[in-house]
C-alpha cells in the first residue's frame, strides 16, 4: 500500500511505539521514497525521547 503513494499520505499513530513498529515493518522507507518523488507525506504521532533519534533521521 505504501509503495503506491503518488500524491499524498497521512498516517495517524496513537502512540510513540506504533512508529517504531511501522519502521520495523518497512513502511517508513517507501513513504520516504514517495516524499522524494514529490508526494506529500505526513506522519502524526506523539514524540518522546525514544522517537527523537528516529525523527531526526527522517
PDB file of N, CA and C in Angstrom:
ATOM      1  N   UNK A   1       0.827  -1.189   0.000  1.00  0.00           N
ATOM      2  CA  UNK A   1       0.000   0.000   0.000  1.00  0.00           C
ATOM      3  C   UNK A   1       0.873   1.255   0.000  1.00  0.00           C
ATOM      4  N   UNK A   2       1.920   1.288   0.796  1.00  0.00           N
ATOM      5  CA  UNK A   2       2.751   2.490   0.853  1.00  0.00           C
ATOM      6  C   UNK A   2       3.582   2.674  -0.415  1.00  0.00           C
ATOM      7  N   UNK A   3       3.782   1.621  -1.168  1.00  0.00           N
ATOM      8  CA  UNK A   3       4.563   1.725  -2.394  1.00  0.00           C
ATOM      9  C   UNK A   3       3.767   2.372  -3.522  1.00  0.00           C
ATOM     10  N   UNK A   4       2.448   2.489  -3.359  1.00  0.00           N
ATOM     11  CA  UNK A   4       1.624   3.067  -4.412  1.00  0.00           C
ATOM     12  C   UNK A   4       1.285   4.542  -4.164  1.00  0.00           C
ATOM     13  N   UNK A   5       1.885   5.164  -3.157  1.00  0.00           N
ATOM     14  CA  UNK A   5       1.610   6.570  -2.863  1.00  0.00           C
ATOM     15  C   UNK A   5       2.214   7.443  -3.960  1.00  0.00           C
ATOM     16  N   UNK A   6       1.372   8.276  -4.575  1.00  0.00           N
ATOM     17  CA  UNK A   6       1.864   9.162  -5.622  1.00  0.00           C
ATOM     18  C   UNK A   6       1.614  10.632  -5.301  1.00  0.00           C
ATOM     19  N   UNK A   7       0.552  10.930  -4.533  1.00  0.00           N
ATOM     20  CA  UNK A   7       0.226  12.333  -4.276  1.00  0.00           C
ATOM     21  C   UNK A   7       0.333  12.700  -2.804  1.00  0.00           C
ATOM     22  N   UNK A   8      -0.363  11.953  -1.934  1.00  0.00           N
ATOM     23  CA  UNK A   8      -0.408  12.354  -0.533  1.00  0.00           C
ATOM     24  C   UNK A   8      -0.677  11.146   0.355  1.00  0.00           C
ATOM     25  N   UNK A   9      -0.036  11.126   1.520  1.00  0.00           N
ATOM     26  CA  UNK A   9      -0.261  10.079   2.515  1.00  0.00           C
ATOM     27  C   UNK A   9      -0.318  10.732   3.891  1.00  0.00           C
ATOM     28  N   UNK A  10      -1.275  10.314   4.681  1.00  0.00           N
ATOM     29  CA  UNK A  10      -1.417  10.791   6.055  1.00  0.00           C
ATOM     30  C   UNK A  10      -1.502   9.579   6.959  1.00  0.00           C
ATOM     31  N   UNK A  11      -0.553   9.462   7.877  1.00  0.00           N
ATOM     32  CA  UNK A  11      -0.506   8.350   8.814  1.00  0.00           C
ATOM     33  C   UNK A  11      -0.736   8.912  10.213  1.00  0.00           C
ATOM     34  N   UNK A  12      -1.764   8.443  10.890  1.00  0.00           N
ATOM     35  CA  UNK A  12      -2.056   8.857  12.265  1.00  0.00           C
ATOM     36  C   UNK A  12      -1.743   7.689  13.192  1.00  0.00           C
ATOM     37  N   UNK A  13      -0.846   7.913  14.135  1.00  0.00           N
ATOM     38  CA  UNK A  13      -0.441   6.856  15.062  1.00  0.00           C
ATOM     39  C   UNK A  13      -0.851   7.236  16.481  1.00  0.00           C
ATOM     40  N   UNK A  14      -1.454   6.314  17.220  1.00  0.00           N
ATOM     41  CA  UNK A  14      -1.983   6.642  18.536  1.00  0.00           C
ATOM     42  C   UNK A  14      -0.926   6.821  19.634  1.00  0.00           C
ATOM     43  N   UNK A  15       0.203   6.155  19.474  1.00  0.00           N
ATOM     44  CA  UNK A  15       1.253   6.274  20.487  1.00  0.00           C
ATOM     45  C   UNK A  15       2.615   6.091  19.844  1.00  0.00           C
ATOM     46  N   UNK A  16       3.657   6.448  20.595  1.00  0.00           N
ATOM     47  CA  UNK A  16       5.002   6.512  20.044  1.00  0.00           C
ATOM     48  C   UNK A  16       5.549   5.166  19.575  1.00  0.00           C
ATOM     49  N   UNK A  17       5.220   4.099  20.240  1.00  0.00           N
ATOM     50  CA  UNK A  17       5.762   2.796  19.853  1.00  0.00           C
ATOM     51  C   UNK A  17       5.175   2.297  18.541  1.00  0.00           C
ATOM     52  N   UNK A  18       4.051   2.856  18.140  1.00  0.00           N
ATOM     53  CA  UNK A  18       3.474   2.484  16.849  1.00  0.00           C
ATOM     54  C   UNK A  18       4.397   2.917  15.715  1.00  0.00           C
ATOM     55  N   UNK A  19       5.064   4.045  15.879  1.00  0.00           N
ATOM     56  CA  UNK A  19       6.016   4.486  14.856  1.00  0.00           C
ATOM     57  C   UNK A  19       7.184   3.513  14.750  1.00  0.00           C
ATOM     58  N   UNK A  20       7.658   3.055  15.895  1.00  0.00           N
ATOM     59  CA  UNK A  20       8.761   2.090  15.896  1.00  0.00           C
ATOM     60  C   UNK A  20       8.320   0.815  15.173  1.00  0.00           C
ATOM     61  N   UNK A  21       7.079   0.404  15.392  1.00  0.00           N
ATOM     62  CA  UNK A  21       6.568  -0.806  14.741  1.00  0.00           C
ATOM     63  C   UNK A  21       6.481  -0.648  13.228  1.00  0.00           C
ATOM     64  N   UNK A  22       5.942   0.479  12.761  1.00  0.00           N
ATOM     65  CA  UNK A  22       5.828   0.626  11.309  1.00  0.00           C
ATOM     66  C   UNK A  22       7.203   0.781  10.662  1.00  0.00           C
ATOM     67  N   UNK A  23       8.153   1.306  11.416  1.00  0.00           N
ATOM     68  CA  UNK A  23       9.520   1.391  10.903  1.00  0.00           C
ATOM     69  C   UNK A  23      10.120  -0.011  10.760  1.00  0.00           C
ATOM     70  N   UNK A  24       9.907  -0.857  11.764  1.00  0.00           N
ATOM     71  CA  UNK A  24      10.414  -2.234  11.695  1.00  0.00           C
ATOM     72  C   UNK A  24       9.746  -3.035  10.587  1.00  0.00           C
ATOM     73  N   UNK A  25       8.477  -2.741  10.299  1.00  0.00           N
ATOM     74  CA  UNK A  25       7.752  -3.443   9.249  1.00  0.00           C
ATOM     75  C   UNK A  25       8.147  -2.983   7.851  1.00  0.00           C
ATOM     76  N   UNK A  26       8.925  -1.917   7.773  1.00  0.00           N
ATOM     77  CA  UNK A  26       9.382  -1.428   6.489  1.00  0.00           C
ATOM     78  C   UNK A  26       8.407  -0.499   5.795  1.00  0.00           C
ATOM     79  N   UNK A  27       7.533   0.133   6.547  1.00  0.00           N
ATOM     80  CA  UNK A  27       6.543   1.038   5.973  1.00  0.00           C
ATOM     81  C   UNK A  27       7.111   2.438   5.775  1.00  0.00           C
ATOM     82  N   UNK A  28       8.060   2.836   6.589  1.00  0.00           N
ATOM     83  CA  UNK A  28       8.587   4.196   6.535  1.00  0.00           C
ATOM     84  C   UNK A  28       9.443   4.424   5.285  1.00  0.00           C
ATOM     85  N   UNK A  29      10.246   3.457   4.895  1.00  0.00           N
ATOM     86  CA  UNK A  29      11.143   3.638   3.745  1.00  0.00           C
ATOM     87  C   UNK A  29      10.400   3.941   2.442  1.00  0.00           C
ATOM     88  N   UNK A  30       9.343   3.197   2.098  1.00  0.00           N
ATOM     89  CA  UNK A  30       8.599   3.568   0.878  1.00  0.00           C
ATOM     90  C   UNK A  30       7.954   4.951   0.970  1.00  0.00           C
ATOM     91  N   UNK A  31       7.557   5.355   2.177  1.00  0.00           N
ATOM     92  CA  UNK A  31       6.994   6.693   2.351  1.00  0.00           C
ATOM     93  C   UNK A  31       8.060   7.760   2.109  1.00  0.00           C
ATOM     94  N   UNK A  32       9.276   7.507   2.552  1.00  0.00           N
ATOM     95  CA  UNK A  32      10.365   8.446   2.302  1.00  0.00           C
ATOM     96  C   UNK A  32      10.664   8.547   0.805  1.00  0.00           C
ATOM     97  N   UNK A  33      10.627   7.418   0.109  1.00  0.00           N
ATOM     98  CA  UNK A  33      10.856   7.439  -1.342  1.00  0.00           C
ATOM     99  C   UNK A  33       9.750   8.205  -2.058  1.00  0.00           C
ATOM    100  N   UNK A  34       8.503   8.012  -1.609  1.00  0.00           N
ATOM    101  CA  UNK A  34       7.382   8.739  -2.209  1.00  0.00           C
ATOM    102  C   UNK A  34       7.542  10.235  -1.980  1.00  0.00           C
ATOM    103  N   UNK A  35       8.030  10.604  -0.806  1.00  0.00           N
ATOM    104  CA  UNK A  35       8.258  12.012  -0.498  1.00  0.00           C
ATOM    105  C   UNK A  35       9.343  12.596  -1.400  1.00  0.00           C
ATOM    106  N   UNK A  36      10.375  11.835  -1.652  1.00  0.00           N
ATOM    107  CA  UNK A  36      11.446  12.292  -2.541  1.00  0.00           C
ATOM    108  C   UNK A  36      10.954  12.462  -3.973  1.00  0.00           C
ATOM    109  N   UNK A  37       9.917  11.711  -4.340  1.00  0.00           N
ATOM    110  CA  UNK A  37       9.354  11.787  -5.695  1.00  0.00           C
ATOM    111  C   UNK A  37       8.245  12.817  -5.810  1.00  0.00           C
ATOM    112  N   UNK A  38       8.037  13.632  -4.780  1.00  0.00           N
ATOM    113  CA  UNK A  38       7.084  14.728  -4.866  1.00  0.00           C
ATOM    114  C   UNK A  38       5.781  14.537  -4.119  1.00  0.00           C
ATOM    115  N   UNK A  39       5.555  13.409  -3.496  1.00  0.00           N
ATOM    116  CA  UNK A  39       4.333  13.189  -2.735  1.00  0.00           C
ATOM    117  C   UNK A  39       4.424  13.901  -1.384  1.00  0.00           C
ATOM    118  N   UNK A  40       3.282  14.301  -0.870  1.00  0.00           N
ATOM    119  CA  UNK A  40       3.215  14.899   0.453  1.00  0.00           C
ATOM    120  C   UNK A  40       2.954  13.792   1.459  1.00  0.00           C
ATOM    121  N   UNK A  41       3.866  13.607   2.407  1.00  0.00           N
ATOM    122  CA  UNK A  41       3.736  12.550   3.408  1.00  0.00           C
ATOM    123  C   UNK A  41       3.744  13.185   4.788  1.00  0.00           C
ATOM    124  N   UNK A  42       2.705  12.876   5.566  1.00  0.00           N
ATOM    125  CA  UNK A  42       2.600  13.391   6.930  1.00  0.00           C
ATOM    126  C   UNK A  42       2.405  12.221   7.876  1.00  0.00           C
ATOM    127  N   UNK A  43       3.233  12.178   8.910  1.00  0.00           N
ATOM    128  CA  UNK A  43       3.105  11.167   9.949  1.00  0.00           C
ATOM    129  C   UNK A  43       2.879  11.910  11.253  1.00  0.00           C
ATOM    130  N   UNK A  44       1.738  11.669  11.868  1.00  0.00           N
ATOM    131  CA  UNK A  44       1.380  12.370  13.102  1.00  0.00           C
ATOM    132  C   UNK A  44       1.352  11.352  14.242  1.00  0.00           C
ATOM    133  N   UNK A  45       2.208  11.589  15.243  1.00  0.00           N
ATOM    134  CA  UNK A  45       2.240  10.729  16.428  1.00  0.00           C
ATOM    135  C   UNK A  45       2.892  11.491  17.563  1.00  0.00           C
ATOM    136  N   UNK A  46       2.653  11.054  18.803  1.00  0.00           N
ATOM    137  CA  UNK A  46       3.315  11.691  19.936  1.00  0.00           C
ATOM    138  C   UNK A  46       4.828  11.502  19.836  1.00  0.00           C
ATOM    139  N   UNK A  47       5.579  12.498  20.245  1.00  0.00           N
ATOM    140  CA  UNK A  47       7.031  12.452  20.174  1.00  0.00           C
ATOM    141  C   UNK A  47       7.600  12.281  21.575  1.00  0.00           C
ATOM    142  N   UNK A  48       8.412  11.257  21.757  1.00  0.00           N
ATOM    143  CA  UNK A  48       9.066  11.006  23.039  1.00  0.00           C
ATOM    144  C   UNK A  48      10.569  10.929  22.809  1.00  0.00           C
ATOM    145  N   UNK A  49      11.295  10.710  23.878  1.00  0.00           N
ATOM    146  CA  UNK A  49      12.746  10.624  23.785  1.00  0.00           C
ATOM    147  C   UNK A  49      13.204   9.514  22.868  1.00  0.00           C
ATOM    148  N   UNK A  50      12.479   8.415  22.855  1.00  0.00           N
ATOM    149  CA  UNK A  50      12.842   7.278  22.007  1.00  0.00           C
ATOM    150  C   UNK A  50      12.703   7.627  20.528  1.00  0.00           C
ATOM    151  N   UNK A  51      11.749   8.464  20.200  1.00  0.00           N
ATOM    152  CA  UNK A  51      11.499   8.804  18.799  1.00  0.00           C
ATOM    153  C   UNK A  51      12.303  10.007  18.312  1.00  0.00           C
ATOM    154  N   UNK A  52      12.881  10.750  19.197  1.00  0.00           N
ATOM    155  CA  UNK A  52      13.636  11.926  18.751  1.00  0.00           C
ATOM    156  C   UNK A  52      14.763  11.545  17.821  1.00  0.00           C
ATOM    157  N   UNK A  53      15.428  10.438  18.096  1.00  0.00           N
ATOM    158  CA  UNK A  53      16.510   9.975  17.225  1.00  0.00           C
ATOM    159  C   UNK A  53      15.965   9.538  15.873  1.00  0.00           C
ATOM    160  N   UNK A  54      14.840   8.829  15.861  1.00  0.00           N
ATOM    161  CA  UNK A  54      14.251   8.388  14.602  1.00  0.00           C
ATOM    162  C   UNK A  54      13.726   9.565  13.807  1.00  0.00           C
ATOM    163  N   UNK A  55      13.144  10.531  14.477  1.00  0.00           N
ATOM    164  CA  UNK A  55      12.614  11.708  13.793  1.00  0.00           C
ATOM    165  C   UNK A  55      13.684  12.543  13.141  1.00  0.00           C
ATOM    166  N   UNK A  56      14.863  12.585  13.723  1.00  0.00           N
ATOM    167  CA  UNK A  56      15.959  13.348  13.131  1.00  0.00           C
ATOM    168  C   UNK A  56      16.447  12.687  11.846  1.00  0.00           C
ATOM    169  N   UNK A  57      16.354  11.369  11.758  1.00  0.00           N
ATOM    170  CA  UNK A  57      16.773  10.662  10.552  1.00  0.00           C
ATOM    171  C   UNK A  57      15.820  10.933   9.393  1.00  0.00           C
ATOM    172  N   UNK A  58      14.579  11.191   9.708  1.00  0.00           N
ATOM    173  CA  UNK A  58      13.585  11.448   8.660  1.00  0.00           C
ATOM    174  C   UNK A  58      13.682  12.884   8.271  1.00  0.00           C
TER     175      UNK A  58
END
